Amino acid sequence: MISSRLKEILNQVKQAEIDYQRAPGSVLLLAVSKTKPSSDIAVAYQAGQRHFGESYCQEALIKQRELGAYAITWHYIGPIQSNKTKAIATHFDWVHSVDSLNIAQRLSKQRQGNLAPLNICLQVNMSNEPSKSGISLDELPKLCEQVALLPNIKLRGVMTVPAPEDNFERQRLPYKVLSHAINNLNQFKLDTLSFGMSGDLIAAIAEGSTIVRVGSALFGIRD
């Protein structure tokens, strides 16, 4: 079931790349595996999926031990507590949810020098929802300047989780605004737009997303 869903989602991504004149293969599928067992991740891996996203550090570390034989690229996509930055800096390849200089500094300091630089995305709260993490769009240029100077990490781009919308054009709007903002930050050579989920991945791809984060459409509804 997971393997057939994976194939279907990848076909959707491929078709959206064609429909919106995106380069073939320019959109990466990130399988959001939080709350799902290692066995589900193994099935998706065996079907060809390599990038997996987790939101709960302790849960993710258990899965990483259980799946140590697999060449998985691990992405941390959840809120970051200060007491978890060392584990995140040590055990992940990407972090999508950096929303303060303090967190970025801790990840930079705690990333071991023998590891490749940690890929960082800054989380932007496009809907200005108090319940969601992320900086405002106005704060983005300054935080980019500060984070780009830190060692052991590499600023790659931005991530956002806008308020849910059913209407396709309204889904596109926050992504359009964020994509435009990134075009004005050329000096940082940002190459990653992490946005779009199960319910709006086509809208996200239409507006330039390079990583779509899909969980429920692949693994089923979370408990």
N, C-alpha and C. Protein backbone atom coordinates (compact mmCIF):
# COMPACT_ATOMS: atom_id res chain seq x y z
N MET A 1 0.83 -1.21 0.00
CA MET A 1 0.00 0.00 0.00
C MET A 1 0.86 1.27 0.00
N ILE A 2 1.87 1.29 0.89
CA ILE A 2 2.77 2.45 0.94
C ILE A 2 3.50 2.60 -0.39
N SER A 3 3.97 1.49 -0.96
CA SER A 3 4.73 1.57 -2.22
C SER A 3 3.85 2.07 -3.37
N SER A 4 2.59 1.66 -3.39
CA SER A 4 1.71 2.14 -4.47
C SER A 4 1.36 3.61 -4.28
N ARG A 5 1.17 4.02 -3.03
CA ARG A 5 0.92 5.45 -2.76
C ARG A 5 2.13 6.29 -3.13
N LEU A 6 3.33 5.78 -2.83
CA LEU A 6 4.55 6.51 -3.17
C LEU A 6 4.64 6.73 -4.68
N LYS A 7 4.36 5.69 -5.42
CA LYS A 7 4.40 5.80 -6.89
C LYS A 7 3.40 6.84 -7.38
N GLU A 8 2.20 6.83 -6.79
CA GLU A 8 1.15 7.78 -7.19
C GLU A 8 1.57 9.22 -6.89
N ILE A 9 2.15 9.45 -5.70
CA ILE A 9 2.57 10.81 -5.33
C ILE A 9 3.71 11.29 -6.23
N LEU A 10 4.66 10.41 -6.50
CA LEU A 10 5.77 10.78 -7.39
C LEU A 10 5.27 11.12 -8.79
N ASN A 11 4.24 10.41 -9.24
CA ASN A 11 3.64 10.73 -10.54
C ASN A 11 2.96 12.10 -10.52
N GLN A 12 2.31 12.43 -9.39
CA GLN A 12 1.69 13.75 -9.24
C GLN A 12 2.75 14.85 -9.30
N VAL A 13 3.85 14.62 -8.61
CA VAL A 13 4.94 15.60 -8.60
C VAL A 13 5.49 15.78 -10.01
N LYS A 14 5.72 14.67 -10.69
CA LYS A 14 6.27 14.72 -12.05
C LYS A 14 5.33 15.46 -13.00
N GLN A 15 4.02 15.19 -12.87
CA GLN A 15 3.04 15.85 -13.73
C GLN A 15 2.98 17.35 -13.44
N ALA A 16 3.07 17.71 -12.15
CA ALA A 16 3.06 19.14 -11.78
C ALA A 16 4.29 19.85 -12.31
N GLU A 17 5.43 19.16 -12.31
CA GLU A 17 6.65 19.76 -12.90
C GLU A 17 6.41 20.08 -14.37
N ILE A 18 5.75 19.17 -15.07
CA ILE A 18 5.45 19.39 -16.50
C ILE A 18 4.45 20.53 -16.66
N ASP A 19 3.37 20.48 -15.88
CA ASP A 19 2.29 21.45 -16.03
C ASP A 19 2.74 22.89 -15.75
N TYR A 20 3.69 23.05 -14.81
CA TYR A 20 4.11 24.40 -14.42
C TYR A 20 5.54 24.73 -14.86
N GLN A 21 5.97 24.07 -15.94
CA GLN A 21 7.27 24.35 -16.57
C GLN A 21 8.44 24.32 -15.57
N ARG A 22 8.38 23.35 -14.68
CA ARG A 22 9.51 23.13 -13.77
C ARG A 22 10.46 22.12 -14.40
N ALA A 23 11.74 22.24 -14.09
CA ALA A 23 12.72 21.28 -14.63
C ALA A 23 12.41 19.88 -14.10
N PRO A 24 12.54 18.85 -14.92
CA PRO A 24 12.30 17.49 -14.45
C PRO A 24 13.21 17.14 -13.27
N GLY A 25 12.62 16.61 -12.21
CA GLY A 25 13.41 16.23 -11.04
C GLY A 25 13.78 17.38 -10.13
N SER A 26 13.20 18.56 -10.34
CA SER A 26 13.57 19.73 -9.53
C SER A 26 12.84 19.78 -8.18
N VAL A 27 11.86 18.89 -8.00
CA VAL A 27 11.10 18.86 -6.74
C VAL A 27 11.39 17.55 -6.01
N LEU A 28 11.88 17.66 -4.79
CA LEU A 28 12.20 16.50 -3.96
C LEU A 28 11.00 16.15 -3.08
N LEU A 29 10.67 14.87 -3.00
CA LEU A 29 9.62 14.41 -2.09
C LEU A 29 10.24 14.05 -0.75
N LEU A 30 9.81 14.74 0.31
CA LEU A 30 10.23 14.42 1.67
C LEU A 30 9.08 13.66 2.33
N ALA A 31 9.33 12.41 2.69
CA ALA A 31 8.31 11.57 3.33
C ALA A 31 8.28 11.90 4.82
N VAL A 32 7.16 12.45 5.29
CA VAL A 32 7.03 12.84 6.70
C VAL A 32 6.59 11.62 7.50
N SER A 33 7.54 11.08 8.25
CA SER A 33 7.34 9.78 8.91
C SER A 33 7.11 9.90 10.41
N LYS A 34 6.92 11.12 10.92
CA LYS A 34 6.70 11.29 12.36
C LYS A 34 5.48 10.49 12.80
N THR A 35 5.60 9.88 13.95
CA THR A 35 4.59 9.01 14.59
C THR A 35 4.41 7.67 13.89
N LYS A 36 5.08 7.46 12.77
CA LYS A 36 4.95 6.19 12.04
C LYS A 36 6.10 5.25 12.43
N PRO A 37 5.86 3.94 12.43
CA PRO A 37 6.90 3.00 12.86
C PRO A 37 8.02 2.86 11.84
N SER A 38 9.15 2.37 12.33
CA SER A 38 10.31 2.13 11.46
C SER A 38 9.96 1.19 10.31
N SER A 39 9.04 0.26 10.57
CA SER A 39 8.67 -0.70 9.53
C SER A 39 8.05 0.00 8.32
N ASP A 40 7.28 1.08 8.55
CA ASP A 40 6.70 1.84 7.44
C ASP A 40 7.79 2.55 6.65
N ILE A 41 8.77 3.09 7.37
CA ILE A 41 9.88 3.77 6.71
C ILE A 41 10.66 2.77 5.85
N ALA A 42 10.87 1.58 6.39
CA ALA A 42 11.59 0.54 5.65
C ALA A 42 10.88 0.18 4.36
N VAL A 43 9.55 0.09 4.41
CA VAL A 43 8.78 -0.23 3.20
C VAL A 43 8.96 0.88 2.15
N ALA A 44 8.85 2.14 2.59
CA ALA A 44 9.01 3.26 1.66
C ALA A 44 10.44 3.29 1.10
N TYR A 45 11.41 3.01 1.95
CA TYR A 45 12.81 2.98 1.50
C TYR A 45 13.02 1.92 0.43
N GLN A 46 12.46 0.75 0.68
CA GLN A 46 12.62 -0.34 -0.28
C GLN A 46 11.91 -0.04 -1.59
N ALA A 47 10.94 0.88 -1.55
CA ALA A 47 10.25 1.30 -2.78
C ALA A 47 10.96 2.47 -3.46
N GLY A 48 12.10 2.89 -2.88
CA GLY A 48 12.91 3.93 -3.54
C GLY A 48 13.00 5.26 -2.83
N GLN A 49 12.23 5.48 -1.75
CA GLN A 49 12.27 6.77 -1.04
C GLN A 49 13.52 6.86 -0.16
N ARG A 50 14.18 8.02 -0.18
CA ARG A 50 15.43 8.16 0.58
C ARG A 50 15.41 9.28 1.61
N HIS A 51 14.53 10.27 1.45
CA HIS A 51 14.49 11.42 2.37
C HIS A 51 13.28 11.32 3.27
N PHE A 52 13.52 11.39 4.59
CA PHE A 52 12.45 11.25 5.58
C PHE A 52 12.50 12.38 6.59
N GLY A 53 11.31 12.87 6.98
CA GLY A 53 11.20 14.00 7.89
C GLY A 53 10.59 13.61 9.22
N GLU A 54 11.22 14.06 10.30
CA GLU A 54 10.76 13.77 11.66
C GLU A 54 10.60 15.07 12.44
N SER A 55 9.65 15.06 13.41
CA SER A 55 9.36 16.25 14.20
C SER A 55 9.64 16.09 15.68
N TYR A 56 9.85 14.85 16.13
CA TYR A 56 10.06 14.58 17.55
C TYR A 56 11.42 13.92 17.71
N CYS A 57 12.34 14.62 18.38
CA CYS A 57 13.74 14.21 18.39
C CYS A 57 13.94 12.82 18.97
N GLN A 58 13.38 12.54 20.13
CA GLN A 58 13.63 11.25 20.78
C GLN A 58 13.10 10.09 19.93
N GLU A 59 11.91 10.28 19.38
CA GLU A 59 11.32 9.27 18.50
C GLU A 59 12.21 9.03 17.28
N ALA A 60 12.72 10.12 16.72
CA ALA A 60 13.56 10.01 15.53
C ALA A 60 14.86 9.27 15.82
N LEU A 61 15.46 9.52 16.97
CA LEU A 61 16.73 8.87 17.30
C LEU A 61 16.56 7.35 17.42
N ILE A 62 15.42 6.92 17.95
CA ILE A 62 15.14 5.48 18.04
C ILE A 62 15.05 4.88 16.64
N LYS A 63 14.32 5.56 15.76
CA LYS A 63 14.17 5.07 14.39
C LYS A 63 15.52 5.04 13.67
N GLN A 64 16.34 6.05 13.91
CA GLN A 64 17.65 6.08 13.25
C GLN A 64 18.50 4.90 13.68
N ARG A 65 18.41 4.52 14.95
CA ARG A 65 19.15 3.33 15.41
C ARG A 65 18.60 2.07 14.75
N GLU A 66 17.26 1.97 14.71
CA GLU A 66 16.63 0.78 14.14
C GLU A 66 16.88 0.64 12.64
N LEU A 67 17.08 1.77 11.97
CA LEU A 67 17.24 1.77 10.51
C LEU A 67 18.66 2.12 10.10
N GLY A 68 19.62 1.83 10.98
CA GLY A 68 21.00 2.21 10.74
C GLY A 68 21.61 1.63 9.48
N ALA A 69 21.05 0.51 9.00
CA ALA A 69 21.59 -0.13 7.79
C ALA A 69 21.14 0.57 6.50
N TYR A 70 20.17 1.49 6.62
CA TYR A 70 19.64 2.17 5.44
C TYR A 70 20.33 3.52 5.25
N ALA A 71 20.61 3.85 3.99
CA ALA A 71 21.26 5.13 3.66
C ALA A 71 20.21 6.24 3.54
N ILE A 72 19.64 6.60 4.69
CA ILE A 72 18.55 7.58 4.73
C ILE A 72 19.11 8.98 4.96
N THR A 73 18.55 9.96 4.28
CA THR A 73 18.83 11.37 4.57
C THR A 73 17.72 11.85 5.50
N TRP A 74 18.11 12.24 6.71
CA TRP A 74 17.14 12.61 7.76
C TRP A 74 16.96 14.13 7.83
N HIS A 75 15.70 14.54 7.82
CA HIS A 75 15.34 15.97 7.91
C HIS A 75 14.58 16.20 9.21
N TYR A 76 14.98 17.21 9.96
CA TYR A 76 14.21 17.59 11.16
C TYR A 76 13.29 18.74 10.78
N ILE A 77 11.98 18.55 11.01
CA ILE A 77 11.01 19.54 10.52
C ILE A 77 10.12 20.11 11.63
N GLY A 78 10.37 19.71 12.89
CA GLY A 78 9.50 20.15 13.98
C GLY A 78 10.06 21.33 14.76
N PRO A 79 9.28 21.83 15.73
CA PRO A 79 9.78 22.90 16.61
C PRO A 79 11.04 22.43 17.33
N ILE A 80 11.96 23.36 17.56
CA ILE A 80 13.26 23.01 18.14
C ILE A 80 13.38 23.60 19.54
N GLN A 81 13.53 22.72 20.53
CA GLN A 81 13.80 23.16 21.89
C GLN A 81 15.32 23.24 22.07
N SER A 82 15.76 24.20 22.88
CA SER A 82 17.20 24.41 23.08
C SER A 82 17.91 23.16 23.58
N ASN A 83 17.23 22.39 24.42
CA ASN A 83 17.89 21.20 24.99
C ASN A 83 17.97 20.04 23.99
N LYS A 84 17.45 20.23 22.79
CA LYS A 84 17.50 19.17 21.76
C LYS A 84 18.47 19.53 20.62
N THR A 85 19.05 20.72 20.66
CA THR A 85 19.86 21.14 19.51
C THR A 85 21.09 20.26 19.31
N LYS A 86 21.69 19.78 20.38
CA LYS A 86 22.90 18.95 20.21
C LYS A 86 22.57 17.65 19.48
N ALA A 87 21.48 17.00 19.89
CA ALA A 87 21.08 15.75 19.22
C ALA A 87 20.70 16.01 17.77
N ILE A 88 19.99 17.11 17.52
CA ILE A 88 19.59 17.43 16.15
C ILE A 88 20.82 17.74 15.29
N ALA A 89 21.75 18.53 15.85
CA ALA A 89 22.97 18.88 15.11
C ALA A 89 23.81 17.67 14.79
N THR A 90 23.75 16.65 15.64
CA THR A 90 24.59 15.46 15.48
C THR A 90 23.98 14.43 14.53
N HIS A 91 22.65 14.30 14.56
CA HIS A 91 22.02 13.13 13.94
C HIS A 91 21.18 13.43 12.69
N PHE A 92 21.10 14.68 12.28
CA PHE A 92 20.29 15.01 11.10
C PHE A 92 21.16 15.64 10.01
N ASP A 93 20.66 15.54 8.78
CA ASP A 93 21.33 16.12 7.62
C ASP A 93 20.76 17.50 7.26
N TRP A 94 19.48 17.66 7.55
CA TRP A 94 18.76 18.91 7.26
C TRP A 94 17.94 19.32 8.49
N VAL A 95 17.79 20.63 8.68
CA VAL A 95 16.85 21.17 9.68
C VAL A 95 16.04 22.26 8.98
N HIS A 96 14.73 22.08 8.93
CA HIS A 96 13.85 22.99 8.18
C HIS A 96 13.22 24.08 9.05
N SER A 97 13.36 23.97 10.37
CA SER A 97 12.49 24.74 11.27
C SER A 97 13.25 25.71 12.17
N VAL A 98 14.35 26.28 11.65
CA VAL A 98 15.12 27.26 12.43
C VAL A 98 14.38 28.61 12.40
N ASP A 99 14.08 29.14 13.58
CA ASP A 99 13.30 30.39 13.61
C ASP A 99 13.90 31.43 14.56
N SER A 100 15.19 31.26 14.91
CA SER A 100 15.86 32.28 15.73
C SER A 100 17.36 32.15 15.55
N LEU A 101 18.06 33.25 15.80
CA LEU A 101 19.52 33.24 15.73
C LEU A 101 20.09 32.33 16.81
N ASN A 102 19.47 32.34 17.99
CA ASN A 102 19.95 31.49 19.09
C ASN A 102 19.98 30.02 18.70
N ILE A 103 18.90 29.54 18.09
CA ILE A 103 18.85 28.12 17.68
C ILE A 103 19.90 27.85 16.60
N ALA A 104 20.04 28.76 15.65
CA ALA A 104 21.03 28.58 14.59
C ALA A 104 22.44 28.54 15.17
N GLN A 105 22.73 29.41 16.13
CA GLN A 105 24.05 29.44 16.77
C GLN A 105 24.33 28.14 17.51
N ARG A 106 23.33 27.62 18.20
CA ARG A 106 23.51 26.37 18.94
C ARG A 106 23.78 25.21 17.98
N LEU A 107 23.01 25.15 16.89
CA LEU A 107 23.23 24.09 15.89
C LEU A 107 24.63 24.20 15.28
N SER A 108 25.06 25.42 15.00
CA SER A 108 26.37 25.66 14.43
C SER A 108 27.48 25.20 15.38
N LYS A 109 27.35 25.58 16.64
CA LYS A 109 28.37 25.25 17.64
C LYS A 109 28.42 23.75 17.91
N GLN A 110 27.25 23.08 17.85
CA GLN A 110 27.17 21.68 18.25
C GLN A 110 27.29 20.71 17.07
N ARG A 111 27.38 21.22 15.85
CA ARG A 111 27.63 20.36 14.69
C ARG A 111 29.10 19.99 14.68
N GLN A 112 29.39 18.72 14.72
CA GLN A 112 30.78 18.28 14.78
C GLN A 112 31.50 18.57 13.47
N GLY A 113 32.75 18.98 13.60
CA GLY A 113 33.53 19.39 12.43
C GLY A 113 33.81 18.28 11.44
N ASN A 114 33.73 17.02 11.90
CA ASN A 114 33.98 15.90 10.98
C ASN A 114 32.76 15.58 10.12
N LEU A 115 31.62 16.23 10.39
CA LEU A 115 30.40 16.01 9.61
C LEU A 115 30.29 17.09 8.54
N ALA A 116 29.57 16.76 7.49
CA ALA A 116 29.28 17.77 6.46
C ALA A 116 28.46 18.90 7.10
N PRO A 117 28.55 20.12 6.57
CA PRO A 117 27.74 21.21 7.13
C PRO A 117 26.26 20.82 7.18
N LEU A 118 25.58 21.24 8.24
CA LEU A 118 24.17 20.96 8.42
C LEU A 118 23.35 21.91 7.53
N ASN A 119 22.49 21.34 6.69
CA ASN A 119 21.66 22.16 5.80
C ASN A 119 20.51 22.79 6.60
N ILE A 120 20.38 24.09 6.48
CA ILE A 120 19.43 24.85 7.30
C ILE A 120 18.40 25.57 6.43
N CYS A 121 17.12 25.47 6.83
CA CYS A 121 16.08 26.33 6.28
C CYS A 121 15.49 27.17 7.41
N LEU A 122 15.18 28.41 7.12
CA LEU A 122 14.56 29.30 8.10
C LEU A 122 13.05 29.21 7.95
N GLN A 123 12.37 29.00 9.08
CA GLN A 123 10.92 28.86 9.03
C GLN A 123 10.25 30.24 9.10
N VAL A 124 9.40 30.50 8.10
CA VAL A 124 8.69 31.77 8.00
C VAL A 124 7.21 31.52 8.26
N ASN A 125 6.62 32.31 9.14
CA ASN A 125 5.20 32.19 9.47
C ASN A 125 4.41 33.10 8.54
N MET A 126 4.01 32.58 7.39
CA MET A 126 3.37 33.39 6.36
C MET A 126 1.94 33.80 6.73
N SER A 127 1.31 33.04 7.62
CA SER A 127 -0.07 33.35 7.98
C SER A 127 -0.17 34.15 9.27
N ASN A 128 1.00 34.46 9.86
CA ASN A 128 1.04 35.19 11.14
C ASN A 128 0.17 34.55 12.20
N GLU A 129 0.18 33.20 12.22
CA GLU A 129 -0.62 32.48 13.21
C GLU A 129 0.16 32.36 14.51
N PRO A 130 -0.41 32.81 15.63
CA PRO A 130 0.30 32.73 16.92
C PRO A 130 0.64 31.30 17.32
N SER A 131 -0.15 30.33 16.84
CA SER A 131 0.08 28.94 17.24
C SER A 131 1.24 28.30 16.47
N LYS A 132 1.74 28.98 15.44
CA LYS A 132 2.79 28.39 14.61
C LYS A 132 4.13 29.06 14.87
N SER A 133 5.20 28.25 14.75
CA SER A 133 6.55 28.78 14.86
C SER A 133 6.88 29.56 13.59
N GLY A 134 7.99 30.28 13.66
CA GLY A 134 8.46 30.97 12.46
C GLY A 134 8.59 32.47 12.64
N ILE A 135 9.50 33.04 11.87
CA ILE A 135 9.69 34.48 11.88
C ILE A 135 8.74 35.12 10.87
N SER A 136 8.60 36.44 10.97
CA SER A 136 7.81 37.15 9.97
C SER A 136 8.65 37.35 8.71
N LEU A 137 7.98 37.63 7.61
CA LEU A 137 8.68 37.87 6.35
C LEU A 137 9.64 39.06 6.47
N ASP A 138 9.24 40.07 7.26
CA ASP A 138 10.08 41.26 7.46
C ASP A 138 11.40 40.92 8.16
N GLU A 139 11.37 39.88 8.99
CA GLU A 139 12.57 39.51 9.76
C GLU A 139 13.54 38.64 8.95
N LEU A 140 13.08 38.14 7.81
CA LEU A 140 13.87 37.16 7.06
C LEU A 140 15.23 37.69 6.58
N PRO A 141 15.31 38.88 5.96
CA PRO A 141 16.62 39.32 5.45
C PRO A 141 17.69 39.40 6.54
N LYS A 142 17.35 39.95 7.70
CA LYS A 142 18.34 40.09 8.77
C LYS A 142 18.79 38.73 9.29
N LEU A 143 17.84 37.81 9.48
CA LEU A 143 18.22 36.49 10.00
C LEU A 143 19.08 35.75 8.97
N CYS A 144 18.77 35.91 7.68
CA CYS A 144 19.63 35.33 6.64
C CYS A 144 21.06 35.83 6.78
N GLU A 145 21.22 37.14 6.96
CA GLU A 145 22.55 37.73 7.10
C GLU A 145 23.30 37.11 8.26
N GLN A 146 22.62 36.95 9.39
CA GLN A 146 23.26 36.44 10.60
C GLN A 146 23.61 34.95 10.47
N VAL A 147 22.67 34.17 9.95
CA VAL A 147 22.87 32.72 9.88
C VAL A 147 23.91 32.34 8.83
N ALA A 148 23.95 33.11 7.75
CA ALA A 148 24.89 32.80 6.65
C ALA A 148 26.35 32.87 7.10
N LEU A 149 26.62 33.58 8.18
CA LEU A 149 27.99 33.75 8.66
C LEU A 149 28.46 32.63 9.59
N LEU A 150 27.55 31.78 10.02
CA LEU A 150 27.89 30.78 11.03
C LEU A 150 28.64 29.59 10.41
N PRO A 151 29.61 29.03 11.13
CA PRO A 151 30.34 27.85 10.62
C PRO A 151 29.54 26.56 10.85
N ASN A 152 29.92 25.52 10.14
CA ASN A 152 29.38 24.15 10.32
C ASN A 152 27.93 23.98 9.87
N ILE A 153 27.31 25.04 9.39
CA ILE A 153 25.96 24.94 8.85
C ILE A 153 25.93 25.65 7.50
N LYS A 154 24.97 25.27 6.68
CA LYS A 154 24.83 25.89 5.36
C LYS A 154 23.40 26.36 5.19
N LEU A 155 23.22 27.67 5.05
CA LEU A 155 21.88 28.23 4.84
C LEU A 155 21.41 27.86 3.43
N ARG A 156 20.34 27.09 3.34
CA ARG A 156 19.85 26.60 2.04
C ARG A 156 18.60 27.32 1.56
N GLY A 157 17.72 27.75 2.50
CA GLY A 157 16.48 28.36 2.04
C GLY A 157 15.49 28.57 3.15
N VAL A 158 14.21 28.43 2.81
CA VAL A 158 13.13 28.73 3.75
C VAL A 158 12.12 27.59 3.77
N MET A 159 11.38 27.57 4.87
CA MET A 159 10.26 26.62 5.03
C MET A 159 9.05 27.38 5.54
N THR A 160 7.86 26.97 5.14
CA THR A 160 6.65 27.56 5.70
C THR A 160 5.52 26.54 5.73
N VAL A 161 4.60 26.77 6.68
CA VAL A 161 3.37 25.96 6.80
C VAL A 161 2.21 26.94 6.91
N PRO A 162 1.65 27.38 5.78
CA PRO A 162 0.55 28.36 5.84
C PRO A 162 -0.73 27.74 6.36
N ALA A 163 -1.68 28.61 6.69
CA ALA A 163 -3.00 28.13 7.14
C ALA A 163 -3.63 27.30 6.02
N PRO A 164 -4.32 26.21 6.37
CA PRO A 164 -4.93 25.35 5.35
C PRO A 164 -5.96 26.11 4.50
N GLU A 165 -5.97 25.83 3.23
CA GLU A 165 -6.93 26.43 2.28
C GLU A 165 -7.40 25.35 1.32
N ASP A 166 -8.68 25.38 0.96
CA ASP A 166 -9.21 24.43 -0.02
C ASP A 166 -9.10 24.98 -1.45
N ASN A 167 -9.19 26.30 -1.57
CA ASN A 167 -9.18 26.93 -2.88
C ASN A 167 -7.76 26.97 -3.45
N PHE A 168 -7.59 26.49 -4.70
CA PHE A 168 -6.27 26.36 -5.29
C PHE A 168 -5.53 27.69 -5.39
N GLU A 169 -6.21 28.72 -5.85
CA GLU A 169 -5.54 30.03 -6.00
C GLU A 169 -5.16 30.60 -4.64
N ARG A 170 -6.00 30.39 -3.63
CA ARG A 170 -5.65 30.87 -2.29
C ARG A 170 -4.50 30.05 -1.69
N GLN A 171 -4.43 28.77 -2.06
CA GLN A 171 -3.27 27.96 -1.63
C GLN A 171 -1.98 28.55 -2.19
N ARG A 172 -2.04 29.00 -3.43
CA ARG A 172 -0.83 29.50 -4.10
C ARG A 172 -0.32 30.81 -3.52
N LEU A 173 -1.21 31.63 -2.96
CA LEU A 173 -0.86 33.01 -2.61
C LEU A 173 0.32 33.14 -1.64
N PRO A 174 0.30 32.48 -0.46
CA PRO A 174 1.45 32.66 0.44
C PRO A 174 2.75 32.15 -0.16
N TYR A 175 2.67 31.10 -0.97
CA TYR A 175 3.86 30.56 -1.62
C TYR A 175 4.40 31.55 -2.65
N LYS A 176 3.49 32.20 -3.36
CA LYS A 176 3.88 33.21 -4.36
C LYS A 176 4.63 34.36 -3.68
N VAL A 177 4.08 34.81 -2.55
CA VAL A 177 4.69 35.93 -1.82
C VAL A 177 6.08 35.55 -1.32
N LEU A 178 6.21 34.35 -0.75
CA LEU A 178 7.50 33.91 -0.22
C LEU A 178 8.51 33.71 -1.34
N SER A 179 8.09 33.11 -2.44
CA SER A 179 9.00 32.92 -3.58
C SER A 179 9.52 34.25 -4.10
N HIS A 180 8.63 35.25 -4.15
CA HIS A 180 9.04 36.59 -4.60
C HIS A 180 10.06 37.18 -3.64
N ALA A 181 9.84 36.99 -2.33
CA ALA A 181 10.77 37.52 -1.33
C ALA A 181 12.15 36.89 -1.48
N ILE A 182 12.20 35.60 -1.77
CA ILE A 182 13.47 34.91 -1.95
C ILE A 182 14.24 35.46 -3.15
N ASN A 183 13.52 35.86 -4.18
CA ASN A 183 14.17 36.43 -5.37
C ASN A 183 14.94 37.72 -5.05
N ASN A 184 14.54 38.38 -3.95
CA ASN A 184 15.22 39.61 -3.54
C ASN A 184 16.37 39.35 -2.57
N LEU A 185 16.68 38.07 -2.34
CA LEU A 185 17.77 37.71 -1.41
C LEU A 185 18.84 36.92 -2.16
N ASN A 186 19.10 37.32 -3.40
CA ASN A 186 20.02 36.57 -4.27
C ASN A 186 21.42 36.43 -3.69
N GLN A 187 21.81 37.39 -2.84
CA GLN A 187 23.19 37.37 -2.33
C GLN A 187 23.47 36.15 -1.45
N PHE A 188 22.41 35.50 -0.97
CA PHE A 188 22.60 34.34 -0.09
C PHE A 188 22.58 33.01 -0.85
N LYS A 189 22.35 33.08 -2.15
CA LYS A 189 22.36 31.89 -3.01
C LYS A 189 21.45 30.78 -2.45
N LEU A 190 20.26 31.16 -2.03
CA LEU A 190 19.30 30.19 -1.49
C LEU A 190 18.77 29.32 -2.64
N ASP A 191 18.72 28.02 -2.41
CA ASP A 191 18.27 27.11 -3.48
C ASP A 191 17.12 26.20 -3.05
N THR A 192 16.59 26.42 -1.84
CA THR A 192 15.59 25.51 -1.30
C THR A 192 14.35 26.23 -0.82
N LEU A 193 13.20 25.83 -1.36
CA LEU A 193 11.90 26.29 -0.87
C LEU A 193 11.16 25.06 -0.37
N SER A 194 11.09 24.92 0.94
CA SER A 194 10.45 23.76 1.55
C SER A 194 9.01 24.12 1.90
N PHE A 195 8.12 23.89 0.95
CA PHE A 195 6.70 24.10 1.24
C PHE A 195 5.83 23.26 0.33
N GLY A 196 4.60 23.02 0.83
CA GLY A 196 3.67 22.12 0.17
C GLY A 196 3.57 20.81 0.92
N MET A 197 2.34 20.41 1.23
CA MET A 197 2.09 19.16 1.95
C MET A 197 1.04 18.36 1.19
N SER A 198 0.52 17.32 1.82
CA SER A 198 -0.41 16.43 1.12
C SER A 198 -1.55 17.18 0.45
N GLY A 199 -2.09 18.21 1.13
CA GLY A 199 -3.29 18.89 0.62
C GLY A 199 -3.05 19.98 -0.39
N ASP A 200 -1.79 20.43 -0.54
CA ASP A 200 -1.57 21.58 -1.44
C ASP A 200 -0.25 21.48 -2.21
N LEU A 201 0.21 20.26 -2.44
CA LEU A 201 1.54 20.14 -3.06
C LEU A 201 1.57 20.66 -4.50
N ILE A 202 0.45 20.57 -5.22
CA ILE A 202 0.43 21.07 -6.61
C ILE A 202 0.58 22.59 -6.62
N ALA A 203 -0.15 23.27 -5.71
CA ALA A 203 -0.05 24.73 -5.60
C ALA A 203 1.37 25.14 -5.26
N ALA A 204 2.00 24.37 -4.36
CA ALA A 204 3.37 24.67 -3.94
C ALA A 204 4.35 24.52 -5.11
N ILE A 205 4.21 23.45 -5.86
CA ILE A 205 5.10 23.23 -7.01
C ILE A 205 4.89 24.33 -8.05
N ALA A 206 3.64 24.75 -8.23
CA ALA A 206 3.35 25.84 -9.17
C ALA A 206 4.09 27.11 -8.81
N GLU A 207 4.36 27.30 -7.49
CA GLU A 207 5.01 28.54 -7.03
C GLU A 207 6.48 28.35 -6.68
N GLY A 208 7.07 27.23 -7.10
CA GLY A 208 8.52 27.12 -7.01
C GLY A 208 9.08 26.22 -5.92
N SER A 209 8.21 25.49 -5.20
CA SER A 209 8.72 24.61 -4.15
C SER A 209 9.77 23.64 -4.70
N THR A 210 10.82 23.41 -3.90
CA THR A 210 11.83 22.41 -4.28
C THR A 210 11.77 21.18 -3.38
N ILE A 211 11.09 21.30 -2.21
CA ILE A 211 10.87 20.15 -1.34
C ILE A 211 9.42 20.16 -0.89
N VAL A 212 8.67 19.11 -1.23
CA VAL A 212 7.30 18.98 -0.72
C VAL A 212 7.30 17.91 0.37
N ARG A 213 6.61 18.21 1.47
CA ARG A 213 6.62 17.36 2.66
C ARG A 213 5.28 16.62 2.74
N VAL A 214 5.31 15.33 2.47
CA VAL A 214 4.07 14.56 2.38
C VAL A 214 4.07 13.44 3.42
N GLY A 215 3.06 13.42 4.27
CA GLY A 215 2.95 12.40 5.30
C GLY A 215 1.72 11.54 5.15
N SER A 216 0.54 12.14 5.41
CA SER A 216 -0.69 11.35 5.47
C SER A 216 -1.03 10.70 4.12
N ALA A 217 -0.76 11.39 3.01
CA ALA A 217 -1.07 10.81 1.70
C ALA A 217 -0.21 9.59 1.39
N LEU A 218 0.94 9.49 2.07
CA LEU A 218 1.85 8.37 1.85
C LEU A 218 1.64 7.28 2.89
N PHE A 219 1.63 7.66 4.16
CA PHE A 219 1.60 6.67 5.24
C PHE A 219 0.21 6.45 5.84
N GLY A 220 -0.77 7.27 5.42
CA GLY A 220 -2.09 7.19 6.02
C GLY A 220 -2.22 8.21 7.14
N ILE A 221 -3.45 8.41 7.60
CA ILE A 221 -3.73 9.40 8.64
C ILE A 221 -2.97 9.03 9.92
N ARG A 222 -2.37 10.06 10.54
CA ARG A 222 -1.66 9.81 11.80
C ARG A 222 -2.62 9.54 12.95
N ASP A 223 -2.13 8.74 13.90
CA ASP A 223 -2.93 8.46 15.09
C ASP A 223 -3.14 9.74 15.88
